[in-house]
N, C-alpha and C. Protein backbone atom coordinates (compact mmCIF):
# COMPACT_ATOMS: atom_id res chain seq x y z
N MET A 1 50.77 -38.18 49.08
CA MET A 1 51.34 -39.32 50.11
C MET A 1 50.54 -40.47 50.19
N LEU A 2 49.11 -40.56 50.05
CA LEU A 2 48.34 -41.50 50.14
C LEU A 2 48.51 -42.63 49.62
N ASN A 3 49.07 -42.83 48.27
CA ASN A 3 49.27 -43.78 47.60
C ASN A 3 50.77 -44.78 48.28
N GLU A 4 51.40 -43.74 48.71
CA GLU A 4 52.85 -44.39 49.19
C GLU A 4 52.56 -44.85 50.55
N LEU A 5 51.67 -44.24 51.38
CA LEU A 5 51.32 -44.91 52.59
C LEU A 5 50.31 -46.09 52.42
N LEU A 6 49.56 -46.01 51.55
CA LEU A 6 48.89 -47.50 51.41
C LEU A 6 49.77 -48.54 50.66
N PHE A 7 50.63 -48.23 49.94
CA PHE A 7 51.64 -49.25 49.39
C PHE A 7 52.27 -49.93 50.46
N LEU A 8 52.97 -48.95 51.34
CA LEU A 8 53.52 -49.52 52.59
C LEU A 8 52.76 -50.44 53.30
N ILE A 9 51.60 -50.20 53.78
CA ILE A 9 50.51 -50.86 54.51
C ILE A 9 50.43 -52.34 53.56
N HIS A 10 50.38 -52.25 52.37
CA HIS A 10 50.12 -53.12 51.38
C HIS A 10 51.29 -54.19 51.61
N ILE A 11 52.48 -53.81 51.58
CA ILE A 11 53.55 -54.50 52.13
C ILE A 11 53.70 -55.38 53.14
N ILE A 12 53.36 -54.50 54.01
CA ILE A 12 53.42 -55.28 55.60
C ILE A 12 52.21 -56.37 55.53
N ILE A 13 51.08 -56.13 54.92
CA ILE A 13 49.98 -56.93 55.13
C ILE A 13 50.62 -58.50 54.42
N ILE A 14 51.14 -58.06 52.95
CA ILE A 14 51.47 -59.36 52.32
C ILE A 14 52.58 -60.17 53.12
N ALA A 15 53.46 -59.48 53.76
CA ALA A 15 54.44 -60.10 54.70
C ALA A 15 53.81 -61.01 55.72
N GLY A 16 52.71 -60.32 56.36
CA GLY A 16 52.10 -61.00 57.47
C GLY A 16 51.36 -62.12 57.27
N ILE A 17 50.66 -62.08 55.76
CA ILE A 17 49.90 -63.00 55.29
C ILE A 17 50.98 -64.39 54.83
N THR A 18 51.95 -63.94 54.05
CA THR A 18 53.05 -65.01 53.91
C THR A 18 53.45 -65.71 55.18
N LEU A 19 53.98 -65.04 56.40
CA LEU A 19 54.37 -65.78 57.52
C LEU A 19 53.20 -66.46 58.24
N GLY A 20 51.89 -65.97 57.86
CA GLY A 20 50.95 -66.71 58.91
C GLY A 20 50.46 -67.89 57.98
N ALA A 21 50.69 -67.96 56.61
CA ALA A 21 50.55 -69.21 55.91
C ALA A 21 51.71 -70.15 56.15
N LEU A 22 53.09 -69.69 56.42
CA LEU A 22 53.87 -70.81 56.64
C LEU A 22 53.67 -71.41 58.20
N ALA A 23 53.03 -70.44 58.99
CA ALA A 23 52.85 -70.91 60.33
C ALA A 23 51.90 -72.16 60.27
N LEU A 24 50.81 -71.91 59.35
CA LEU A 24 49.82 -73.24 59.10
C LEU A 24 50.36 -74.27 58.41
N GLY A 25 51.66 -74.15 57.68
CA GLY A 25 52.13 -75.08 56.96
C GLY A 25 52.11 -75.26 55.42
N LYS A 26 52.82 -76.34 55.00
CA LYS A 26 52.95 -76.25 53.70
C LYS A 26 51.78 -76.15 52.58
N GLU A 27 50.65 -76.68 53.04
CA GLU A 27 49.43 -76.63 52.07
C GLU A 27 49.22 -75.03 52.04
N ALA A 28 48.93 -74.26 53.17
CA ALA A 28 48.78 -72.96 53.38
C ALA A 28 49.50 -71.94 52.75
N LEU A 29 50.89 -72.43 52.52
CA LEU A 29 52.01 -71.56 51.92
C LEU A 29 51.73 -71.72 50.31
N ILE A 30 51.72 -72.94 49.76
CA ILE A 30 51.17 -73.07 48.62
C ILE A 30 50.22 -72.52 48.00
N THR A 31 48.88 -72.55 48.60
CA THR A 31 47.50 -71.65 48.62
C THR A 31 47.91 -70.27 48.69
N THR A 32 48.61 -69.67 49.36
CA THR A 32 48.92 -68.27 49.44
C THR A 32 49.79 -67.97 47.99
N ILE A 33 50.79 -68.72 47.63
CA ILE A 33 51.43 -68.47 46.61
C ILE A 33 50.58 -68.41 45.20
N CYS A 34 49.61 -69.34 45.25
CA CYS A 34 48.62 -69.28 44.07
C CYS A 34 47.80 -67.84 43.93
N LEU A 35 47.29 -67.68 45.28
CA LEU A 35 46.37 -66.82 45.36
C LEU A 35 46.92 -65.41 44.94
N PHE A 36 48.29 -65.02 45.54
CA PHE A 36 48.92 -63.73 45.14
C PHE A 36 49.01 -63.82 43.66
N SER A 37 49.54 -64.97 42.86
CA SER A 37 49.70 -64.97 41.58
C SER A 37 48.17 -64.47 40.79
N ILE A 38 47.28 -64.96 41.31
CA ILE A 38 45.79 -64.64 40.63
C ILE A 38 45.52 -63.03 40.64
N LEU A 39 45.79 -62.59 42.04
CA LEU A 39 45.32 -61.49 42.29
C LEU A 39 46.44 -60.48 41.56
N ALA A 40 47.65 -60.76 41.35
CA ALA A 40 48.30 -59.78 40.48
C ALA A 40 47.66 -59.67 39.26
N ASN A 41 47.43 -60.81 38.63
CA ASN A 41 47.04 -61.01 37.52
C ASN A 41 45.73 -60.09 37.08
N LEU A 42 44.83 -60.45 38.14
CA LEU A 42 43.58 -59.56 38.00
C LEU A 42 43.63 -58.12 38.17
N LEU A 43 44.47 -57.50 39.14
CA LEU A 43 44.64 -56.32 39.32
C LEU A 43 45.54 -55.60 38.51
N VAL A 44 46.45 -56.06 37.72
CA VAL A 44 47.65 -55.28 37.12
C VAL A 44 47.12 -54.24 36.32
N THR A 45 46.10 -54.21 35.58
CA THR A 45 45.71 -53.17 34.67
C THR A 45 45.39 -52.01 35.50
N LYS A 46 45.33 -51.72 36.50
CA LYS A 46 44.93 -50.52 37.28
C LYS A 46 46.44 -49.67 37.60
N GLN A 47 46.34 -48.62 37.10
CA GLN A 47 47.71 -47.75 37.30
C GLN A 47 47.32 -46.87 38.24
N ILE A 48 48.46 -46.64 38.97
CA ILE A 48 48.51 -45.61 39.98
C ILE A 48 49.58 -44.72 39.76
N MET A 49 49.65 -43.29 40.66
CA MET A 49 50.68 -42.57 40.68
C MET A 49 51.58 -42.68 41.93
N LEU A 50 52.84 -43.03 41.78
CA LEU A 50 53.53 -43.47 42.84
C LEU A 50 54.79 -42.68 42.93
N VAL A 51 55.15 -42.00 43.83
CA VAL A 51 56.20 -41.15 43.83
C VAL A 51 56.32 -40.11 42.20
N GLY A 52 55.12 -39.79 41.92
CA GLY A 52 55.20 -38.91 40.95
C GLY A 52 55.29 -39.66 39.38
N LEU A 53 55.24 -41.15 39.50
CA LEU A 53 55.20 -41.74 38.16
C LEU A 53 54.16 -43.03 38.01
N HIS A 54 53.89 -42.89 36.86
CA HIS A 54 52.91 -44.08 36.36
C HIS A 54 53.27 -45.46 36.64
N VAL A 55 52.86 -46.08 37.59
CA VAL A 55 53.27 -47.67 37.78
C VAL A 55 51.64 -48.47 38.25
N VAL A 56 51.98 -49.61 38.13
CA VAL A 56 50.77 -50.71 38.47
C VAL A 56 51.14 -51.12 39.84
N SER A 57 50.11 -51.26 40.62
CA SER A 57 50.06 -51.52 42.13
C SER A 57 50.45 -52.88 42.50
N THR A 58 50.81 -54.06 41.49
CA THR A 58 50.53 -55.41 41.80
C THR A 58 51.73 -55.94 42.04
N ASP A 59 52.89 -55.38 41.76
CA ASP A 59 54.31 -56.04 42.11
C ASP A 59 54.34 -56.70 43.43
N VAL A 60 53.66 -55.91 44.41
CA VAL A 60 54.00 -56.56 45.71
C VAL A 60 53.51 -58.07 45.97
N PHE A 61 52.23 -58.39 44.93
CA PHE A 61 52.02 -59.79 45.07
C PHE A 61 52.98 -60.67 44.55
N MET A 62 53.57 -60.51 43.22
CA MET A 62 54.57 -61.21 42.77
C MET A 62 55.91 -61.34 43.53
N VAL A 63 56.01 -60.43 44.26
CA VAL A 63 57.34 -60.51 45.22
C VAL A 63 56.77 -61.48 46.39
N GLY A 64 55.70 -61.15 47.01
CA GLY A 64 55.12 -62.03 47.94
C GLY A 64 55.08 -63.78 47.71
N SER A 65 54.70 -63.77 46.48
CA SER A 65 54.65 -65.03 45.72
C SER A 65 56.19 -65.71 45.81
N LEU A 66 56.93 -65.12 45.26
CA LEU A 66 58.31 -65.71 45.04
C LEU A 66 58.94 -66.02 46.48
N ILE A 67 58.71 -64.88 47.59
CA ILE A 67 59.27 -64.97 48.99
C ILE A 67 58.59 -66.30 49.44
N GLY A 68 57.37 -66.28 49.28
CA GLY A 68 56.46 -67.64 49.78
C GLY A 68 57.18 -68.84 49.12
N LEU A 69 57.47 -68.97 47.82
CA LEU A 69 58.27 -69.89 47.03
C LEU A 69 59.53 -70.32 47.82
N ASN A 70 60.30 -69.28 47.97
CA ASN A 70 61.62 -69.51 48.62
C ASN A 70 61.48 -70.10 50.13
N LEU A 71 60.56 -69.61 50.80
CA LEU A 71 60.21 -70.18 52.13
C LEU A 71 59.83 -71.63 52.23
N LEU A 72 59.03 -72.05 51.22
CA LEU A 72 58.67 -73.54 50.82
C LEU A 72 59.98 -74.27 50.51
N GLN A 73 60.60 -73.86 49.60
CA GLN A 73 61.87 -74.60 49.35
C GLN A 73 62.86 -74.62 50.58
N GLU A 74 62.99 -73.48 51.26
CA GLU A 74 64.06 -73.73 52.37
C GLU A 74 63.58 -74.62 53.51
N TYR A 75 62.22 -74.74 53.78
CA TYR A 75 61.69 -75.50 55.02
C TYR A 75 61.04 -76.89 54.54
N PHE A 76 60.63 -76.87 53.30
CA PHE A 76 59.98 -78.29 52.95
C PHE A 76 60.67 -78.81 51.66
N GLY A 77 61.60 -78.16 51.23
CA GLY A 77 62.38 -78.85 50.05
C GLY A 77 62.02 -78.39 48.64
N LYS A 78 62.87 -78.70 47.80
CA LYS A 78 63.08 -78.37 46.38
C LYS A 78 61.78 -78.75 45.92
N PRO A 79 61.57 -80.20 46.03
CA PRO A 79 60.41 -80.82 45.23
C PRO A 79 58.88 -80.14 45.67
N ALA A 80 58.94 -79.66 46.82
CA ALA A 80 57.56 -78.89 47.18
C ALA A 80 57.55 -77.52 46.61
N ALA A 81 58.70 -76.96 46.42
CA ALA A 81 58.72 -75.74 45.53
C ALA A 81 58.27 -75.99 44.11
N LEU A 82 58.86 -77.03 43.63
CA LEU A 82 58.56 -77.49 42.12
C LEU A 82 57.05 -77.76 42.11
N LYS A 83 56.48 -78.55 42.86
CA LYS A 83 55.03 -78.84 43.01
C LYS A 83 54.15 -77.72 43.08
N ALA A 84 54.65 -76.59 44.01
CA ALA A 84 53.82 -75.46 43.79
C ALA A 84 53.69 -74.55 42.60
N ILE A 85 54.86 -74.74 41.81
CA ILE A 85 54.81 -74.11 40.48
C ILE A 85 53.81 -74.67 39.69
N VAL A 86 53.70 -75.88 39.73
CA VAL A 86 52.66 -76.79 38.65
C VAL A 86 51.30 -76.40 39.28
N ILE A 87 51.01 -76.42 40.73
CA ILE A 87 49.92 -76.17 41.12
C ILE A 87 49.55 -74.60 40.54
N ASN A 88 50.37 -73.80 40.87
CA ASN A 88 50.28 -72.33 40.53
C ASN A 88 49.72 -72.34 38.93
N LEU A 89 50.59 -72.97 38.27
CA LEU A 89 50.16 -72.79 36.67
C LEU A 89 48.67 -73.32 36.47
N PHE A 90 48.31 -74.49 37.26
CA PHE A 90 46.87 -75.12 37.02
C PHE A 90 45.86 -74.20 37.34
N THR A 91 46.30 -73.39 38.42
CA THR A 91 45.03 -72.40 39.10
C THR A 91 45.00 -71.46 37.99
N THR A 92 46.14 -70.78 37.55
CA THR A 92 46.20 -69.90 36.84
C THR A 92 45.36 -70.05 35.50
N LEU A 93 45.73 -71.17 34.92
CA LEU A 93 44.92 -71.65 33.78
C LEU A 93 43.39 -71.72 33.89
N THR A 94 43.17 -72.30 35.12
CA THR A 94 41.47 -72.17 35.32
C THR A 94 41.17 -71.01 35.53
N TYR A 95 41.69 -70.09 36.02
CA TYR A 95 41.23 -68.62 36.28
C TYR A 95 41.25 -68.15 34.84
N LEU A 96 42.20 -68.37 34.05
CA LEU A 96 41.93 -67.66 32.84
C LEU A 96 40.70 -68.19 31.96
N THR A 97 40.47 -69.67 32.01
CA THR A 97 39.60 -70.47 31.34
C THR A 97 37.95 -69.78 31.92
N MET A 98 37.97 -69.71 33.18
CA MET A 98 36.72 -69.06 33.64
C MET A 98 36.53 -67.81 33.38
N THR A 99 37.44 -67.02 33.24
CA THR A 99 37.23 -65.37 32.90
C THR A 99 36.75 -65.34 31.30
N VAL A 100 37.20 -66.17 30.54
CA VAL A 100 37.05 -66.12 29.03
C VAL A 100 35.47 -66.68 28.95
N LEU A 101 35.08 -67.60 29.87
CA LEU A 101 33.88 -68.28 29.82
C LEU A 101 32.75 -67.00 30.45
N HIS A 102 33.23 -66.58 31.41
CA HIS A 102 32.27 -65.32 32.11
C HIS A 102 32.09 -64.24 31.05
N THR A 103 32.89 -63.70 30.24
CA THR A 103 32.89 -62.69 29.27
C THR A 103 32.10 -62.99 28.16
N ALA A 104 31.92 -64.51 27.73
CA ALA A 104 31.46 -65.08 26.56
C ALA A 104 29.73 -64.93 26.86
N TYR A 105 29.53 -64.81 27.88
CA TYR A 105 28.04 -65.05 28.08
C TYR A 105 27.24 -63.67 27.58
N GLN A 106 26.20 -64.04 26.92
CA GLN A 106 25.30 -62.56 26.44
C GLN A 106 24.67 -62.37 27.51
N ALA A 107 24.80 -60.88 27.79
CA ALA A 107 24.21 -60.28 29.27
C ALA A 107 22.81 -59.90 29.07
N SER A 108 21.97 -59.92 30.21
CA SER A 108 20.70 -59.73 30.18
C SER A 108 20.58 -58.10 29.65
N PRO A 109 19.34 -57.61 29.02
CA PRO A 109 19.15 -56.25 28.58
C PRO A 109 19.13 -55.44 30.11
N PHE A 110 18.92 -55.97 31.26
CA PHE A 110 18.71 -55.45 32.41
C PHE A 110 20.35 -55.26 33.20
N ASP A 111 21.02 -55.81 32.79
CA ASP A 111 22.33 -55.93 33.23
C ASP A 111 23.25 -54.81 33.25
N THR A 112 23.87 -54.52 34.48
CA THR A 112 24.56 -53.19 34.44
C THR A 112 25.85 -53.39 34.66
N ALA A 113 26.44 -54.82 34.98
CA ALA A 113 27.61 -55.02 35.40
C ALA A 113 28.64 -55.26 34.30
N ALA A 114 28.01 -55.93 33.07
CA ALA A 114 28.82 -56.65 32.01
C ALA A 114 29.63 -55.71 31.44
N PRO A 115 29.48 -54.40 31.11
CA PRO A 115 30.50 -53.49 30.76
C PRO A 115 31.68 -53.32 31.70
N HIS A 116 31.61 -53.59 32.59
CA HIS A 116 32.73 -53.46 33.94
C HIS A 116 33.38 -54.64 33.93
N PHE A 117 32.89 -56.04 33.87
CA PHE A 117 33.38 -57.13 33.48
C PHE A 117 34.35 -57.08 32.40
N THR A 118 33.84 -56.59 31.12
CA THR A 118 34.56 -56.66 30.11
C THR A 118 35.69 -55.92 29.94
N ALA A 119 35.60 -54.70 30.57
CA ALA A 119 36.57 -53.86 30.65
C ALA A 119 37.87 -54.42 31.37
N ILE A 120 37.37 -55.06 32.67
CA ILE A 120 38.54 -55.56 33.54
C ILE A 120 38.97 -57.06 32.82
N LEU A 121 38.15 -58.00 32.43
CA LEU A 121 38.44 -59.21 31.97
C LEU A 121 38.89 -59.22 30.49
N SER A 122 38.66 -58.58 29.64
CA SER A 122 38.76 -58.71 28.26
C SER A 122 40.33 -58.77 27.88
N PRO A 123 41.31 -58.02 28.72
CA PRO A 123 42.70 -58.33 28.57
C PRO A 123 43.38 -59.60 29.11
N MET A 124 42.43 -60.04 30.04
CA MET A 124 42.82 -61.28 30.68
C MET A 124 43.56 -62.42 29.73
N PRO A 125 43.35 -62.94 28.59
CA PRO A 125 44.03 -63.81 27.84
C PRO A 125 45.53 -63.58 27.58
N ARG A 126 45.72 -62.33 27.16
CA ARG A 126 46.74 -61.83 26.70
C ARG A 126 47.82 -61.64 27.96
N ILE A 127 47.17 -61.24 29.12
CA ILE A 127 48.12 -60.95 30.15
C ILE A 127 48.51 -62.27 31.11
N ILE A 128 47.25 -63.26 31.08
CA ILE A 128 47.63 -64.61 31.73
C ILE A 128 48.81 -65.24 30.92
N ILE A 129 48.45 -65.35 29.34
CA ILE A 129 49.68 -66.11 28.73
C ILE A 129 50.95 -65.33 29.17
N ALA A 130 51.23 -64.19 29.00
CA ALA A 130 52.30 -63.52 29.24
C ALA A 130 52.90 -63.67 30.54
N SER A 131 51.89 -63.69 31.64
CA SER A 131 52.10 -64.14 33.12
C SER A 131 52.59 -65.47 33.39
N ILE A 132 51.92 -66.45 32.64
CA ILE A 132 52.19 -67.88 32.81
C ILE A 132 53.66 -68.01 32.36
N SER A 133 53.84 -67.65 31.01
CA SER A 133 55.10 -67.77 30.58
C SER A 133 56.10 -67.32 31.20
N VAL A 134 56.20 -65.79 31.48
CA VAL A 134 57.14 -65.20 32.60
C VAL A 134 57.32 -65.50 33.42
N TYR A 135 56.30 -65.97 34.54
CA TYR A 135 56.10 -66.32 35.92
C TYR A 135 56.73 -67.65 36.00
N LEU A 136 56.69 -68.52 35.07
CA LEU A 136 57.20 -69.96 34.99
C LEU A 136 58.55 -69.84 34.85
N ILE A 137 59.06 -68.96 34.02
CA ILE A 137 60.59 -68.82 33.85
C ILE A 137 61.14 -68.17 35.24
N ALA A 138 60.47 -67.38 35.59
CA ALA A 138 60.83 -66.64 36.87
C ALA A 138 61.00 -67.50 38.15
N GLN A 139 60.02 -68.25 38.06
CA GLN A 139 59.98 -69.42 39.39
C GLN A 139 61.00 -70.37 39.08
N LEU A 140 61.34 -70.82 37.97
CA LEU A 140 62.20 -71.83 37.43
C LEU A 140 63.57 -71.30 37.86
N ILE A 141 63.99 -70.37 37.39
CA ILE A 141 65.18 -69.47 37.60
C ILE A 141 65.25 -69.23 39.24
N ASP A 142 64.43 -68.61 39.78
CA ASP A 142 64.39 -68.51 41.35
C ASP A 142 64.62 -69.82 42.10
N ALA A 143 63.81 -70.85 41.68
CA ALA A 143 63.99 -72.24 42.37
C ALA A 143 65.46 -72.72 42.11
N GLN A 144 65.90 -72.70 41.09
CA GLN A 144 67.31 -73.39 40.64
C GLN A 144 68.40 -72.27 41.67
N LEU A 145 68.20 -71.07 41.12
CA LEU A 145 69.38 -69.92 41.97
C LEU A 145 69.30 -70.41 43.30
N PHE A 146 67.99 -70.26 44.12
CA PHE A 146 67.85 -70.34 45.59
C PHE A 146 68.50 -71.67 45.93
N HIS A 147 68.30 -72.78 45.05
CA HIS A 147 69.09 -74.08 45.22
C HIS A 147 70.55 -74.08 45.24
N ILE A 148 71.26 -73.49 44.26
CA ILE A 148 72.41 -73.30 44.18
C ILE A 148 72.99 -72.40 45.22
N LEU A 149 72.45 -71.18 45.64
CA LEU A 149 72.81 -70.24 46.68
C LEU A 149 73.01 -71.11 47.93
N LYS A 150 71.88 -71.96 48.13
CA LYS A 150 71.76 -72.62 49.50
C LYS A 150 72.86 -73.59 49.68
N ARG A 151 73.48 -74.09 48.74
CA ARG A 151 74.86 -74.99 48.70
C ARG A 151 75.94 -74.21 49.06
N LEU A 152 75.98 -73.19 48.07
CA LEU A 152 77.23 -72.24 48.34
C LEU A 152 77.11 -71.78 49.61
N PHE A 153 76.11 -71.09 50.15
CA PHE A 153 76.25 -70.62 51.56
C PHE A 153 76.04 -71.90 52.66
N GLY A 154 76.09 -73.03 52.30
CA GLY A 154 75.95 -74.01 53.45
C GLY A 154 74.64 -73.81 54.32
N GLY A 155 73.73 -73.59 53.58
CA GLY A 155 72.45 -73.37 54.57
C GLY A 155 72.04 -72.29 55.29
N ARG A 156 73.20 -71.44 55.21
CA ARG A 156 73.33 -70.30 56.15
C ARG A 156 72.61 -68.82 55.41
N TYR A 157 72.52 -67.89 56.26
CA TYR A 157 72.35 -66.83 55.47
C TYR A 157 71.15 -66.72 54.88
N LEU A 158 69.85 -67.14 55.15
CA LEU A 158 68.58 -67.32 54.39
C LEU A 158 68.26 -66.06 53.89
N ALA A 159 68.37 -64.77 54.73
CA ALA A 159 67.88 -63.42 54.10
C ALA A 159 68.68 -62.99 52.91
N VAL A 160 70.09 -63.01 53.25
CA VAL A 160 71.02 -62.83 51.94
C VAL A 160 70.75 -63.49 50.67
N ARG A 161 70.65 -65.11 50.97
CA ARG A 161 70.23 -65.75 49.86
C ARG A 161 68.75 -65.24 49.12
N ASN A 162 67.85 -65.12 49.88
CA ASN A 162 66.64 -64.70 49.39
C ASN A 162 66.53 -63.32 48.59
N THR A 163 67.56 -62.40 49.14
CA THR A 163 67.51 -61.06 48.32
C THR A 163 68.46 -61.18 47.09
N ILE A 164 69.49 -61.94 46.97
CA ILE A 164 70.06 -62.17 45.87
C ILE A 164 69.19 -62.95 44.84
N SER A 165 68.68 -64.00 45.25
CA SER A 165 67.66 -64.78 44.35
C SER A 165 66.83 -63.78 43.75
N LEU A 166 66.01 -63.01 44.62
CA LEU A 166 64.86 -62.20 44.04
C LEU A 166 65.54 -61.03 43.24
N ALA A 167 66.51 -60.45 43.58
CA ALA A 167 66.66 -59.31 42.78
C ALA A 167 67.11 -59.80 41.52
N ILE A 168 67.73 -60.81 41.11
CA ILE A 168 68.05 -61.46 39.92
C ILE A 168 66.74 -62.01 39.06
N THR A 169 66.04 -62.40 39.92
CA THR A 169 64.89 -63.04 39.08
C THR A 169 63.78 -61.73 38.86
N GLN A 170 63.49 -61.19 39.51
CA GLN A 170 62.67 -59.89 39.25
C GLN A 170 63.26 -59.21 38.34
N LEU A 171 64.60 -59.01 38.06
CA LEU A 171 64.73 -58.26 36.83
C LEU A 171 64.46 -58.82 35.52
N PHE A 172 64.62 -60.09 35.32
CA PHE A 172 64.11 -60.83 34.35
C PHE A 172 62.66 -60.61 34.32
N ASP A 173 61.66 -61.17 35.34
CA ASP A 173 60.38 -60.85 35.11
C ASP A 173 59.96 -59.58 35.00
N THR A 174 60.58 -58.31 35.46
CA THR A 174 59.88 -57.17 35.32
C THR A 174 59.97 -56.96 33.84
N ILE A 175 61.24 -57.06 33.28
CA ILE A 175 61.43 -56.65 31.67
C ILE A 175 60.60 -57.47 30.81
N LEU A 176 60.60 -58.87 31.19
CA LEU A 176 59.70 -59.72 29.97
C LEU A 176 58.33 -59.69 30.28
N PHE A 177 57.87 -59.27 31.57
CA PHE A 177 56.23 -59.31 31.82
C PHE A 177 55.62 -57.89 31.23
N SER A 178 56.53 -56.85 31.35
CA SER A 178 56.19 -55.23 31.21
C SER A 178 55.71 -55.35 29.47
N PHE A 179 56.76 -55.88 28.85
CA PHE A 179 56.63 -55.92 27.32
C PHE A 179 55.55 -57.03 26.74
N ALA A 180 55.46 -58.00 27.22
CA ALA A 180 54.72 -59.00 26.89
C ALA A 180 53.11 -58.82 27.22
N ALA A 181 53.06 -58.20 28.51
CA ALA A 181 51.59 -58.16 29.02
C ALA A 181 50.89 -56.75 28.80
N LEU A 182 51.81 -55.63 29.04
CA LEU A 182 51.31 -54.21 29.14
C LEU A 182 51.73 -53.26 28.07
N TYR A 183 52.37 -53.84 27.12
CA TYR A 183 52.75 -52.82 26.02
C TYR A 183 51.58 -52.33 25.39
N GLY A 184 51.17 -51.07 25.01
CA GLY A 184 50.09 -50.63 24.58
C GLY A 184 49.00 -50.57 25.48
N LEU A 185 49.10 -50.89 27.00
CA LEU A 185 47.80 -50.70 27.74
C LEU A 185 48.30 -49.67 29.03
N VAL A 186 49.67 -49.42 28.85
CA VAL A 186 50.09 -48.40 29.94
C VAL A 186 50.45 -47.22 29.58
N HIS A 187 50.82 -46.20 30.23
CA HIS A 187 50.91 -44.95 29.78
C HIS A 187 52.67 -44.87 29.37
N SER A 188 53.08 -45.12 30.27
CA SER A 188 54.63 -45.47 30.10
C SER A 188 55.54 -46.56 30.36
N MET A 189 56.07 -47.38 29.25
CA MET A 189 56.84 -48.54 29.51
C MET A 189 58.11 -48.41 30.52
N SER A 190 58.79 -47.08 30.42
CA SER A 190 59.95 -46.88 30.80
C SER A 190 59.60 -46.78 32.48
N HIS A 191 58.58 -45.82 32.72
CA HIS A 191 58.03 -45.56 33.97
C HIS A 191 57.56 -47.25 34.76
N ILE A 192 57.08 -47.98 34.09
CA ILE A 192 56.80 -49.21 34.53
C ILE A 192 58.04 -50.15 35.05
N ILE A 193 58.80 -50.50 34.05
CA ILE A 193 59.92 -51.10 34.07
C ILE A 193 60.87 -50.53 35.32
N ILE A 194 61.25 -49.24 35.15
CA ILE A 194 62.24 -48.76 36.07
C ILE A 194 61.72 -48.62 37.64
N VAL A 195 60.44 -48.02 37.57
CA VAL A 195 59.88 -47.89 39.08
C VAL A 195 59.45 -49.65 39.30
N SER A 196 58.99 -50.13 38.55
CA SER A 196 58.50 -51.47 39.14
C SER A 196 59.63 -52.33 39.64
N TYR A 197 60.60 -52.42 38.87
CA TYR A 197 61.87 -53.00 39.53
C TYR A 197 62.27 -52.30 40.76
N GLY A 198 62.42 -50.97 40.95
CA GLY A 198 62.81 -50.25 42.07
C GLY A 198 61.78 -50.77 43.26
N ILE A 199 60.69 -50.62 43.16
CA ILE A 199 59.82 -50.85 43.87
C ILE A 199 59.99 -52.59 44.37
N LYS A 200 60.08 -53.27 43.69
CA LYS A 200 60.38 -54.81 43.97
C LYS A 200 61.56 -54.84 44.78
N MET A 201 62.66 -54.12 44.65
CA MET A 201 63.88 -54.22 45.47
C MET A 201 63.63 -53.55 46.82
N ILE A 202 62.65 -52.73 46.76
CA ILE A 202 62.30 -52.01 48.08
C ILE A 202 61.48 -53.11 48.82
N ILE A 203 60.50 -53.67 48.24
CA ILE A 203 59.76 -54.65 48.91
C ILE A 203 60.67 -55.92 49.51
N ILE A 204 61.46 -56.36 48.70
CA ILE A 204 62.40 -57.51 48.93
C ILE A 204 63.29 -56.94 50.16
N LEU A 205 64.01 -55.94 50.02
CA LEU A 205 64.86 -55.46 51.37
C LEU A 205 63.80 -55.43 52.57
N LEU A 206 62.46 -54.71 52.32
CA LEU A 206 61.63 -54.53 53.47
C LEU A 206 61.28 -56.00 54.15
N ASN A 207 61.09 -56.89 53.18
CA ASN A 207 60.77 -58.08 53.70
C ASN A 207 61.98 -58.99 54.42
N THR A 208 63.07 -58.48 54.37
CA THR A 208 64.18 -59.32 55.12
C THR A 208 63.68 -59.64 56.73
N PRO A 209 63.21 -58.71 57.40
CA PRO A 209 62.76 -58.97 58.56
C PRO A 209 61.71 -60.28 58.47
N CYS A 210 60.92 -60.30 57.46
CA CYS A 210 59.99 -61.39 57.18
C CYS A 210 60.79 -62.72 57.14
N ILE A 211 61.64 -62.81 56.52
CA ILE A 211 62.42 -63.76 56.25
C ILE A 211 63.10 -64.41 57.87
N GLN A 212 63.72 -63.46 58.57
CA GLN A 212 64.52 -63.92 60.00
C GLN A 212 63.31 -64.34 60.76
N LEU A 213 62.02 -63.81 60.61
CA LEU A 213 61.02 -64.09 61.39
C LEU A 213 60.48 -65.63 61.06
N SER A 214 60.72 -66.01 59.86
CA SER A 214 60.21 -67.13 59.32
C SER A 214 60.85 -68.51 60.08
N ARG A 215 62.18 -68.10 60.51
CA ARG A 215 62.87 -69.27 61.51
C ARG A 215 62.32 -69.48 62.80
N HIS A 216 61.84 -68.38 63.34
CA HIS A 216 61.24 -68.27 64.80
C HIS A 216 59.88 -68.94 64.44
N ILE A 217 59.27 -68.91 63.33
CA ILE A 217 57.97 -69.39 63.47
C ILE A 217 57.93 -70.96 63.18
N ILE A 218 59.21 -71.44 62.14
CA ILE A 218 59.25 -72.95 61.95
C ILE A 218 59.92 -73.50 63.18
N LYS A 219 60.49 -72.80 64.09
CA LYS A 219 61.07 -73.32 65.29
C LYS A 219 59.99 -73.69 66.18
N ASN A 220 59.09 -72.79 66.06
CA ASN A 220 57.94 -72.98 67.11
C ASN A 220 56.72 -73.51 66.67
N ARG A 221 56.85 -74.08 65.15
CA ARG A 221 55.48 -74.50 64.69
C ARG A 221 55.44 -75.96 64.99
N PRO A 222 53.95 -76.36 65.68
CA PRO A 222 54.00 -77.76 66.10
C PRO A 222 54.22 -78.64 64.38
N HIS A 223 54.88 -79.64 64.64
CA HIS A 223 54.89 -80.62 63.52
C HIS A 223 54.01 -81.81 63.64
N ASP A 224 53.38 -82.31 62.48
CA ASP A 224 52.68 -83.47 62.45
C ASP A 224 53.67 -84.75 62.60
């Protein structure tokens, strides 16, 4: 049960960080979205056992990123959300470039870290390219769908709109990313897809209180 407990703590921490970023303002929220994306790509190759199945532990980062994107659009407008997508693309490409350069250096004969960096960073080009493609598709779908739902619901029921939008978006994201980035690298594709989507849905539902708290934070946040 250790992994399950850690994963629950992980979800709570991500929710807290997202709300903290919202309290700090638009710039902090955009920065957090980009940071979650980079962490998800860096850590995705580590497989863990969760409820008896082989899964990756980074789904919570991507859901946190998309929840942050929805909060950004809700409180700062669709242009801010689209700008965050572009900034996220820029930072992810920068991360890819730096990892390729880092692994290209010839290590010193006395170096002991190079094999570990190679093992961690060598899959990065494939993962990042897949991640960028799928994440952009997911974010654009999410931004547009969230905008449509906001109009349909008349700006009400933020938690419901967020849940519907993320549930649809993450179905596309999970299937596309799993095959594009992880095929041949993980033990079981079916475990990854089914459990990852199930975990994402649990995370989305558990973050409903986070969405409700966001209104209180915005209401009480000093504005410039």
